Amino acid sequence: MRKNSLDELLEKELIVGCVCGCDGVNKTYYFENTSENIASFIMTHQENTDRLVFTSQSDRLILSTHSESISQCPNQELRQMVQNELNMLQ
């Protein structure tokens, strides 16, 4: 990754996405915190996944799913925006 790209990424608000696989293996990803990115991540990782958990970098829960269904989201405005994005992707 070029240094400029890394610097630009680090200036953005990042979200942590944890994929809890059916095989018991968890994988962690970092990406920009937007409803579009969250919905795309959900659609990309919905197969062979028990649960997806999205947190802030300080480990505050943002959203969690079971399959492609949102199960927890303290911010109801974000929940609606992500759900709208999911509906467009399905």
PDB file of N, CA and C in Angstrom:
ATOM      1  N   MET A   1       0.851  -1.165   0.000  1.00  0.00           N
ATOM      2  CA  MET A   1       0.000   0.000   0.000  1.00  0.00           C
ATOM      3  C   MET A   1       0.898   1.230   0.000  1.00  0.00           C
ATOM      4  N   ARG A   2       0.562   2.184  -0.831  1.00  0.00           N
ATOM      5  CA  ARG A   2       1.332   3.416  -0.876  1.00  0.00           C
ATOM      6  C   ARG A   2       1.153   4.204   0.410  1.00  0.00           C
ATOM      7  N   LYS A   3       2.165   4.967   0.791  1.00  0.00           N
ATOM      8  CA  LYS A   3       2.116   5.743   2.024  1.00  0.00           C
ATOM      9  C   LYS A   3       0.969   6.741   2.010  1.00  0.00           C
ATOM     10  N   ASN A   4       0.724   7.406   0.890  1.00  0.00           N
ATOM     11  CA  ASN A   4      -0.376   8.366   0.800  1.00  0.00           C
ATOM     12  C   ASN A   4      -1.713   7.684   1.054  1.00  0.00           C
ATOM     13  N   SER A   5      -1.919   6.495   0.514  1.00  0.00           N
ATOM     14  CA  SER A   5      -3.165   5.761   0.712  1.00  0.00           C
ATOM     15  C   SER A   5      -3.349   5.396   2.178  1.00  0.00           C
ATOM     16  N   LEU A   6      -2.279   4.963   2.835  1.00  0.00           N
ATOM     17  CA  LEU A   6      -2.346   4.605   4.239  1.00  0.00           C
ATOM     18  C   LEU A   6      -2.651   5.835   5.091  1.00  0.00           C
ATOM     19  N   ASP A   7      -1.997   6.950   4.814  1.00  0.00           N
ATOM     20  CA  ASP A   7      -2.250   8.189   5.550  1.00  0.00           C
ATOM     21  C   ASP A   7      -3.702   8.630   5.397  1.00  0.00           C
ATOM     22  N   GLU A   8      -4.233   8.551   4.180  1.00  0.00           N
ATOM     23  CA  GLU A   8      -5.627   8.924   3.938  1.00  0.00           C
ATOM     24  C   GLU A   8      -6.574   8.022   4.713  1.00  0.00           C
ATOM     25  N   LEU A   9      -6.302   6.726   4.738  1.00  0.00           N
ATOM     26  CA  LEU A   9      -7.144   5.777   5.462  1.00  0.00           C
ATOM     27  C   LEU A   9      -7.128   6.060   6.958  1.00  0.00           C
ATOM     28  N   LEU A  10      -5.955   6.350   7.502  1.00  0.00           N
ATOM     29  CA  LEU A  10      -5.835   6.574   8.938  1.00  0.00           C
ATOM     30  C   LEU A  10      -6.514   7.869   9.395  1.00  0.00           C
ATOM     31  N   GLU A  11      -6.754   8.791   8.479  1.00  0.00           N
ATOM     32  CA  GLU A  11      -7.449  10.034   8.815  1.00  0.00           C
ATOM     33  C   GLU A  11      -8.958   9.844   8.889  1.00  0.00           C
ATOM     34  N   LYS A  12      -9.477   8.746   8.391  1.00  0.00           N
ATOM     35  CA  LYS A  12     -10.915   8.493   8.358  1.00  0.00           C
ATOM     36  C   LYS A  12     -11.365   7.775   9.617  1.00  0.00           C
ATOM     37  N   GLU A  13     -12.674   7.850   9.885  1.00  0.00           N
ATOM     38  CA  GLU A  13     -13.233   7.102  11.008  1.00  0.00           C
ATOM     39  C   GLU A  13     -13.379   5.652  10.574  1.00  0.00           C
ATOM     40  N   LEU A  14     -12.617   4.776  11.221  1.00  0.00           N
ATOM     41  CA  LEU A  14     -12.639   3.377  10.843  1.00  0.00           C
ATOM     42  C   LEU A  14     -13.554   2.576  11.754  1.00  0.00           C
ATOM     43  N   ILE A  15     -14.068   1.497  11.201  1.00  0.00           N
ATOM     44  CA  ILE A  15     -14.902   0.558  11.925  1.00  0.00           C
ATOM     45  C   ILE A  15     -14.190  -0.793  11.907  1.00  0.00           C
ATOM     46  N   VAL A  16     -14.424  -1.583  12.936  1.00  0.00           N
ATOM     47  CA  VAL A  16     -13.845  -2.919  13.006  1.00  0.00           C
ATOM     48  C   VAL A  16     -14.957  -3.917  12.711  1.00  0.00           C
ATOM     49  N   GLY A  17     -14.764  -4.739  11.704  1.00  0.00           N
ATOM     50  CA  GLY A  17     -15.735  -5.771  11.358  1.00  0.00           C
ATOM     51  C   GLY A  17     -15.168  -7.131  11.690  1.00  0.00           C
ATOM     52  N   CYS A  18     -15.847  -7.864  12.544  1.00  0.00           N
ATOM     53  CA  CYS A  18     -15.395  -9.204  12.934  1.00  0.00           C
ATOM     54  C   CYS A  18     -16.351 -10.236  12.343  1.00  0.00           C
ATOM     55  N   VAL A  19     -15.809 -11.146  11.568  1.00  0.00           N
ATOM     56  CA  VAL A  19     -16.576 -12.227  10.962  1.00  0.00           C
ATOM     57  C   VAL A  19     -16.408 -13.457  11.839  1.00  0.00           C
ATOM     58  N   CYS A  20     -17.502 -13.889  12.448  1.00  0.00           N
ATOM     59  CA  CYS A  20     -17.494 -15.087  13.289  1.00  0.00           C
ATOM     60  C   CYS A  20     -17.987 -16.245  12.436  1.00  0.00           C
ATOM     61  N   GLY A  21     -17.073 -17.045  11.923  1.00  0.00           N
ATOM     62  CA  GLY A  21     -17.403 -18.096  10.974  1.00  0.00           C
ATOM     63  C   GLY A  21     -18.054 -19.310  11.611  1.00  0.00           C
ATOM     64  N   CYS A  22     -18.792 -20.047  10.809  1.00  0.00           N
ATOM     65  CA  CYS A  22     -19.438 -21.286  11.260  1.00  0.00           C
ATOM     66  C   CYS A  22     -18.404 -22.311  11.708  1.00  0.00           C
ATOM     67  N   ASP A  23     -17.186 -22.201  11.197  1.00  0.00           N
ATOM     68  CA  ASP A  23     -16.121 -23.142  11.550  1.00  0.00           C
ATOM     69  C   ASP A  23     -15.378 -22.738  12.824  1.00  0.00           C
ATOM     70  N   GLY A  24     -15.835 -21.665  13.479  1.00  0.00           N
ATOM     71  CA  GLY A  24     -15.208 -21.207  14.711  1.00  0.00           C
ATOM     72  C   GLY A  24     -14.038 -20.268  14.507  1.00  0.00           C
ATOM     73  N   VAL A  25     -13.717 -19.976  13.260  1.00  0.00           N
ATOM     74  CA  VAL A  25     -12.610 -19.075  12.955  1.00  0.00           C
ATOM     75  C   VAL A  25     -13.148 -17.651  12.829  1.00  0.00           C
ATOM     76  N   ASN A  26     -12.512 -16.717  13.516  1.00  0.00           N
ATOM     77  CA  ASN A  26     -12.894 -15.308  13.442  1.00  0.00           C
ATOM     78  C   ASN A  26     -11.855 -14.537  12.647  1.00  0.00           C
ATOM     79  N   LYS A  27     -12.321 -13.604  11.826  1.00  0.00           N
ATOM     80  CA  LYS A  27     -11.428 -12.738  11.052  1.00  0.00           C
ATOM     81  C   LYS A  27     -11.841 -11.303  11.302  1.00  0.00           C
ATOM     82  N   THR A  28     -10.870 -10.420  11.396  1.00  0.00           N
ATOM     83  CA  THR A  28     -11.119  -9.019  11.684  1.00  0.00           C
ATOM     84  C   THR A  28     -10.678  -8.154  10.512  1.00  0.00           C
ATOM     85  N   TYR A  29     -11.504  -7.170  10.175  1.00  0.00           N
ATOM     86  CA  TYR A  29     -11.250  -6.248   9.072  1.00  0.00           C
ATOM     87  C   TYR A  29     -11.456  -4.821   9.573  1.00  0.00           C
ATOM     88  N   TYR A  30     -10.752  -3.879   8.979  1.00  0.00           N
ATOM     89  CA  TYR A  30     -10.911  -2.460   9.275  1.00  0.00           C
ATOM     90  C   TYR A  30     -11.307  -1.752   7.988  1.00  0.00           C
ATOM     91  N   PHE A  31     -12.328  -0.880   8.069  1.00  0.00           N
ATOM     92  CA  PHE A  31     -12.740  -0.131   6.898  1.00  0.00           C
ATOM     93  C   PHE A  31     -13.463   1.138   7.327  1.00  0.00           C
ATOM     94  N   GLU A  32     -13.692   2.025   6.352  1.00  0.00           N
ATOM     95  CA  GLU A  32     -14.324   3.309   6.651  1.00  0.00           C
ATOM     96  C   GLU A  32     -15.767   3.103   7.128  1.00  0.00           C
ATOM     97  N   ASN A  33     -16.147   3.825   8.158  1.00  0.00           N
ATOM     98  CA  ASN A  33     -17.458   3.686   8.792  1.00  0.00           C
ATOM     99  C   ASN A  33     -18.533   4.445   8.014  1.00  0.00           C
ATOM    100  N   THR A  34     -19.142   3.756   7.047  1.00  0.00           N
ATOM    101  CA  THR A  34     -20.297   4.301   6.327  1.00  0.00           C
ATOM    102  C   THR A  34     -21.365   3.211   6.248  1.00  0.00           C
ATOM    103  N   SER A  35     -22.614   3.617   6.135  1.00  0.00           N
ATOM    104  CA  SER A  35     -23.699   2.633   6.026  1.00  0.00           C
ATOM    105  C   SER A  35     -23.529   1.780   4.769  1.00  0.00           C
ATOM    106  N   GLU A  36     -23.033   2.377   3.692  1.00  0.00           N
ATOM    107  CA  GLU A  36     -22.811   1.631   2.452  1.00  0.00           C
ATOM    108  C   GLU A  36     -21.760   0.542   2.656  1.00  0.00           C
ATOM    109  N   ASN A  37     -20.675   0.884   3.337  1.00  0.00           N
ATOM    110  CA  ASN A  37     -19.613  -0.093   3.581  1.00  0.00           C
ATOM    111  C   ASN A  37     -20.076  -1.213   4.503  1.00  0.00           C
ATOM    112  N   ILE A  38     -20.854  -0.867   5.521  1.00  0.00           N
ATOM    113  CA  ILE A  38     -21.363  -1.885   6.442  1.00  0.00           C
ATOM    114  C   ILE A  38     -22.272  -2.856   5.695  1.00  0.00           C
ATOM    115  N   ALA A  39     -23.200  -2.335   4.903  1.00  0.00           N
ATOM    116  CA  ALA A  39     -24.123  -3.189   4.150  1.00  0.00           C
ATOM    117  C   ALA A  39     -23.371  -4.069   3.153  1.00  0.00           C
ATOM    118  N   SER A  40     -22.411  -3.505   2.477  1.00  0.00           N
ATOM    119  CA  SER A  40     -21.611  -4.278   1.523  1.00  0.00           C
ATOM    120  C   SER A  40     -20.843  -5.384   2.237  1.00  0.00           C
ATOM    121  N   PHE A  41     -20.288  -5.083   3.398  1.00  0.00           N
ATOM    122  CA  PHE A  41     -19.560  -6.073   4.193  1.00  0.00           C
ATOM    123  C   PHE A  41     -20.496  -7.203   4.610  1.00  0.00           C
ATOM    124  N   ILE A  42     -21.712  -6.855   5.039  1.00  0.00           N
ATOM    125  CA  ILE A  42     -22.698  -7.868   5.438  1.00  0.00           C
ATOM    126  C   ILE A  42     -23.006  -8.789   4.270  1.00  0.00           C
ATOM    127  N   MET A  43     -23.271  -8.225   3.106  1.00  0.00           N
ATOM    128  CA  MET A  43     -23.612  -9.029   1.941  1.00  0.00           C
ATOM    129  C   MET A  43     -22.428  -9.905   1.506  1.00  0.00           C
ATOM    130  N   THR A  44     -21.229  -9.383   1.603  1.00  0.00           N
ATOM    131  CA  THR A  44     -20.036 -10.123   1.194  1.00  0.00           C
ATOM    132  C   THR A  44     -19.756 -11.305   2.111  1.00  0.00           C
ATOM    133  N   HIS A  45     -20.031 -11.147   3.417  1.00  0.00           N
ATOM    134  CA  HIS A  45     -19.637 -12.156   4.397  1.00  0.00           C
ATOM    135  C   HIS A  45     -20.807 -12.935   4.992  1.00  0.00           C
ATOM    136  N   GLN A  46     -21.980 -12.887   4.384  1.00  0.00           N
ATOM    137  CA  GLN A  46     -23.151 -13.526   4.984  1.00  0.00           C
ATOM    138  C   GLN A  46     -23.128 -15.051   4.910  1.00  0.00           C
ATOM    139  N   GLU A  47     -22.453 -15.620   3.941  1.00  0.00           N
ATOM    140  CA  GLU A  47     -22.417 -17.076   3.809  1.00  0.00           C
ATOM    141  C   GLU A  47     -21.383 -17.676   4.750  1.00  0.00           C
ATOM    142  N   ASN A  48     -21.700 -18.826   5.317  1.00  0.00           N
ATOM    143  CA  ASN A  48     -20.809 -19.548   6.232  1.00  0.00           C
ATOM    144  C   ASN A  48     -20.387 -18.706   7.437  1.00  0.00           C
ATOM    145  N   THR A  49     -21.284 -17.805   7.855  1.00  0.00           N
ATOM    146  CA  THR A  49     -21.003 -16.918   8.973  1.00  0.00           C
ATOM    147  C   THR A  49     -22.115 -17.029  10.006  1.00  0.00           C
ATOM    148  N   ASP A  50     -21.731 -17.248  11.256  1.00  0.00           N
ATOM    149  CA  ASP A  50     -22.712 -17.255  12.333  1.00  0.00           C
ATOM    150  C   ASP A  50     -23.135 -15.840  12.694  1.00  0.00           C
ATOM    151  N   ARG A  51     -22.147 -14.955  12.731  1.00  0.00           N
ATOM    152  CA  ARG A  51     -22.417 -13.617  13.226  1.00  0.00           C
ATOM    153  C   ARG A  51     -21.375 -12.642  12.711  1.00  0.00           C
ATOM    154  N   LEU A  52     -21.796 -11.406  12.476  1.00  0.00           N
ATOM    155  CA  LEU A  52     -20.889 -10.311  12.174  1.00  0.00           C
ATOM    156  C   LEU A  52     -21.033  -9.300  13.295  1.00  0.00           C
ATOM    157  N   VAL A  53     -19.921  -8.780  13.769  1.00  0.00           N
ATOM    158  CA  VAL A  53     -19.948  -7.780  14.827  1.00  0.00           C
ATOM    159  C   VAL A  53     -19.119  -6.581  14.368  1.00  0.00           C
ATOM    160  N   PHE A  54     -19.735  -5.405  14.446  1.00  0.00           N
ATOM    161  CA  PHE A  54     -19.076  -4.163  14.064  1.00  0.00           C
ATOM    162  C   PHE A  54     -18.896  -3.315  15.311  1.00  0.00           C
ATOM    163  N   THR A  55     -17.660  -2.875  15.547  1.00  0.00           N
ATOM    164  CA  THR A  55     -17.371  -2.028  16.698  1.00  0.00           C
ATOM    165  C   THR A  55     -16.534  -0.834  16.267  1.00  0.00           C
ATOM    166  N   SER A  56     -16.488   0.155  17.144  1.00  0.00           N
ATOM    167  CA  SER A  56     -15.556   1.252  16.940  1.00  0.00           C
ATOM    168  C   SER A  56     -14.165   0.734  17.292  1.00  0.00           C
ATOM    169  N   GLN A  57     -13.157   1.514  17.009  1.00  0.00           N
ATOM    170  CA  GLN A  57     -11.805   1.092  17.360  1.00  0.00           C
ATOM    171  C   GLN A  57     -11.617   1.025  18.871  1.00  0.00           C
ATOM    172  N   SER A  58     -12.486   1.693  19.624  1.00  0.00           N
ATOM    173  CA  SER A  58     -12.420   1.618  21.080  1.00  0.00           C
ATOM    174  C   SER A  58     -13.319   0.503  21.623  1.00  0.00           C
ATOM    175  N   ASP A  59     -13.774  -0.380  20.733  1.00  0.00           N
ATOM    176  CA  ASP A  59     -14.547  -1.576  21.071  1.00  0.00           C
ATOM    177  C   ASP A  59     -15.983  -1.292  21.526  1.00  0.00           C
ATOM    178  N   ARG A  60     -16.566  -0.198  21.058  1.00  0.00           N
ATOM    179  CA  ARG A  60     -17.970   0.110  21.334  1.00  0.00           C
ATOM    180  C   ARG A  60     -18.828  -0.533  20.245  1.00  0.00           C
ATOM    181  N   LEU A  61     -19.855  -1.268  20.650  1.00  0.00           N
ATOM    182  CA  LEU A  61     -20.719  -1.940  19.683  1.00  0.00           C
ATOM    183  C   LEU A  61     -21.402  -0.924  18.774  1.00  0.00           C
ATOM    184  N   ILE A  62     -21.308  -1.161  17.483  1.00  0.00           N
ATOM    185  CA  ILE A  62     -21.998  -0.335  16.498  1.00  0.00           C
ATOM    186  C   ILE A  62     -23.179  -1.106  15.936  1.00  0.00           C
ATOM    187  N   LEU A  63     -22.954  -2.383  15.585  1.00  0.00           N
ATOM    188  CA  LEU A  63     -24.005  -3.180  14.957  1.00  0.00           C
ATOM    189  C   LEU A  63     -23.575  -4.640  14.992  1.00  0.00           C
ATOM    190  N   SER A  64     -24.537  -5.546  15.081  1.00  0.00           N
ATOM    191  CA  SER A  64     -24.229  -6.971  14.937  1.00  0.00           C
ATOM    192  C   SER A  64     -25.340  -7.624  14.120  1.00  0.00           C
ATOM    193  N   THR A  65     -24.989  -8.741  13.498  1.00  0.00           N
ATOM    194  CA  THR A  65     -25.946  -9.447  12.643  1.00  0.00           C
ATOM    195  C   THR A  65     -25.910 -10.939  12.935  1.00  0.00           C
ATOM    196  N   HIS A  66     -26.969 -11.590  12.516  1.00  0.00           N
ATOM    197  CA  HIS A  66     -27.024 -13.042  12.358  1.00  0.00           C
ATOM    198  C   HIS A  66     -27.431 -13.228  10.910  1.00  0.00           C
ATOM    199  N   SER A  67     -26.570 -13.879  10.131  1.00  0.00           N
ATOM    200  CA  SER A  67     -26.745 -13.989   8.695  1.00  0.00           C
ATOM    201  C   SER A  67     -26.782 -12.573   8.138  1.00  0.00           C
ATOM    202  N   GLU A  68     -27.809 -12.210   7.381  1.00  0.00           N
ATOM    203  CA  GLU A  68     -27.885 -10.849   6.845  1.00  0.00           C
ATOM    204  C   GLU A  68     -28.873  -9.980   7.616  1.00  0.00           C
ATOM    205  N   SER A  69     -29.385 -10.478   8.735  1.00  0.00           N
ATOM    206  CA  SER A  69     -30.349  -9.734   9.540  1.00  0.00           C
ATOM    207  C   SER A  69     -29.647  -8.989  10.665  1.00  0.00           C
ATOM    208  N   ILE A  70     -29.972  -7.727  10.817  1.00  0.00           N
ATOM    209  CA  ILE A  70     -29.414  -6.925  11.899  1.00  0.00           C
ATOM    210  C   ILE A  70     -30.047  -7.380  13.207  1.00  0.00           C
ATOM    211  N   SER A  71     -29.227  -7.744  14.175  1.00  0.00           N
ATOM    212  CA  SER A  71     -29.765  -8.195  15.454  1.00  0.00           C
ATOM    213  C   SER A  71     -29.634  -7.129  16.540  1.00  0.00           C
ATOM    214  N   GLN A  72     -28.568  -6.354  16.511  1.00  0.00           N
ATOM    215  CA  GLN A  72     -28.378  -5.284  17.487  1.00  0.00           C
ATOM    216  C   GLN A  72     -27.794  -4.066  16.809  1.00  0.00           C
ATOM    217  N   CYS A  73     -28.322  -2.902  17.156  1.00  0.00           N
ATOM    218  CA  CYS A  73     -27.765  -1.642  16.677  1.00  0.00           C
ATOM    219  C   CYS A  73     -28.290  -0.532  17.579  1.00  0.00           C
ATOM    220  N   PRO A  74     -27.470  -0.049  18.502  1.00  0.00           N
ATOM    221  CA  PRO A  74     -27.924   0.991  19.418  1.00  0.00           C
ATOM    222  C   PRO A  74     -28.382   2.275  18.720  1.00  0.00           C
ATOM    223  N   ASN A  75     -27.798   2.593  17.582  1.00  0.00           N
ATOM    224  CA  ASN A  75     -28.149   3.802  16.834  1.00  0.00           C
ATOM    225  C   ASN A  75     -29.224   3.448  15.806  1.00  0.00           C
ATOM    226  N   GLN A  76     -30.463   3.801  16.097  1.00  0.00           N
ATOM    227  CA  GLN A  76     -31.576   3.424  15.222  1.00  0.00           C
ATOM    228  C   GLN A  76     -31.521   4.112  13.864  1.00  0.00           C
ATOM    229  N   GLU A  77     -30.953   5.299  13.802  1.00  0.00           N
ATOM    230  CA  GLU A  77     -30.792   5.985  12.514  1.00  0.00           C
ATOM    231  C   GLU A  77     -29.820   5.210  11.625  1.00  0.00           C
ATOM    232  N   LEU A  78     -28.707   4.770  12.201  1.00  0.00           N
ATOM    233  CA  LEU A  78     -27.752   3.954  11.455  1.00  0.00           C
ATOM    234  C   LEU A  78     -28.392   2.642  11.030  1.00  0.00           C
ATOM    235  N   ARG A  79     -29.141   2.020  11.928  1.00  0.00           N
ATOM    236  CA  ARG A  79     -29.813   0.758  11.606  1.00  0.00           C
ATOM    237  C   ARG A  79     -30.692   0.917  10.357  1.00  0.00           C
ATOM    238  N   GLN A  80     -31.447   1.993  10.304  1.00  0.00           N
ATOM    239  CA  GLN A  80     -32.338   2.221   9.153  1.00  0.00           C
ATOM    240  C   GLN A  80     -31.530   2.469   7.873  1.00  0.00           C
ATOM    241  N   MET A  81     -30.448   3.226   7.990  1.00  0.00           N
ATOM    242  CA  MET A  81     -29.625   3.500   6.805  1.00  0.00           C
ATOM    243  C   MET A  81     -28.992   2.213   6.280  1.00  0.00           C
ATOM    244  N   VAL A  82     -28.480   1.362   7.170  1.00  0.00           N
ATOM    245  CA  VAL A  82     -27.885   0.093   6.755  1.00  0.00           C
ATOM    246  C   VAL A  82     -28.950  -0.808   6.161  1.00  0.00           C
ATOM    247  N   GLN A  83     -30.129  -0.864   6.777  1.00  0.00           N
ATOM    248  CA  GLN A  83     -31.202  -1.695   6.252  1.00  0.00           C
ATOM    249  C   GLN A  83     -31.608  -1.244   4.854  1.00  0.00           C
ATOM    250  N   ASN A  84     -31.672   0.055   4.626  1.00  0.00           N
ATOM    251  CA  ASN A  84     -31.996   0.575   3.288  1.00  0.00           C
ATOM    252  C   ASN A  84     -30.940   0.155   2.281  1.00  0.00           C
ATOM    253  N   GLU A  85     -29.678   0.236   2.668  1.00  0.00           N
ATOM    254  CA  GLU A  85     -28.593  -0.199   1.778  1.00  0.00           C
ATOM    255  C   GLU A  85     -28.686  -1.696   1.484  1.00  0.00           C
ATOM    256  N   LEU A  86     -28.993  -2.488   2.518  1.00  0.00           N
ATOM    257  CA  LEU A  86     -29.146  -3.936   2.318  1.00  0.00           C
ATOM    258  C   LEU A  86     -30.278  -4.231   1.352  1.00  0.00           C
ATOM    259  N   ASN A  87     -31.387  -3.522   1.503  1.00  0.00           N
ATOM    260  CA  ASN A  87     -32.530  -3.733   0.608  1.00  0.00           C
ATOM    261  C   ASN A  87     -32.149  -3.449  -0.840  1.00  0.00           C
ATOM    262  N   MET A  88     -31.330  -2.430  -1.066  1.00  0.00           N
ATOM    263  CA  MET A  88     -30.915  -2.116  -2.433  1.00  0.00           C
ATOM    264  C   MET A  88     -29.956  -3.170  -2.987  1.00  0.00           C
ATOM    265  N   LEU A  89     -29.168  -3.797  -2.125  1.00  0.00           N
ATOM    266  CA  LEU A  89     -28.198  -4.797  -2.567  1.00  0.00           C
ATOM    267  C   LEU A  89     -28.804  -6.173  -2.792  1.00  0.00           C
ATOM    268  N   GLN A  90     -29.966  -6.426  -2.212  1.00  0.00           N
ATOM    269  CA  GLN A  90     -30.559  -7.769  -2.305  1.00  0.00           C
ATOM    270  C   GLN A  90     -31.286  -7.973  -3.599  1.00  0.00           C
TER     271      GLN A  90
END
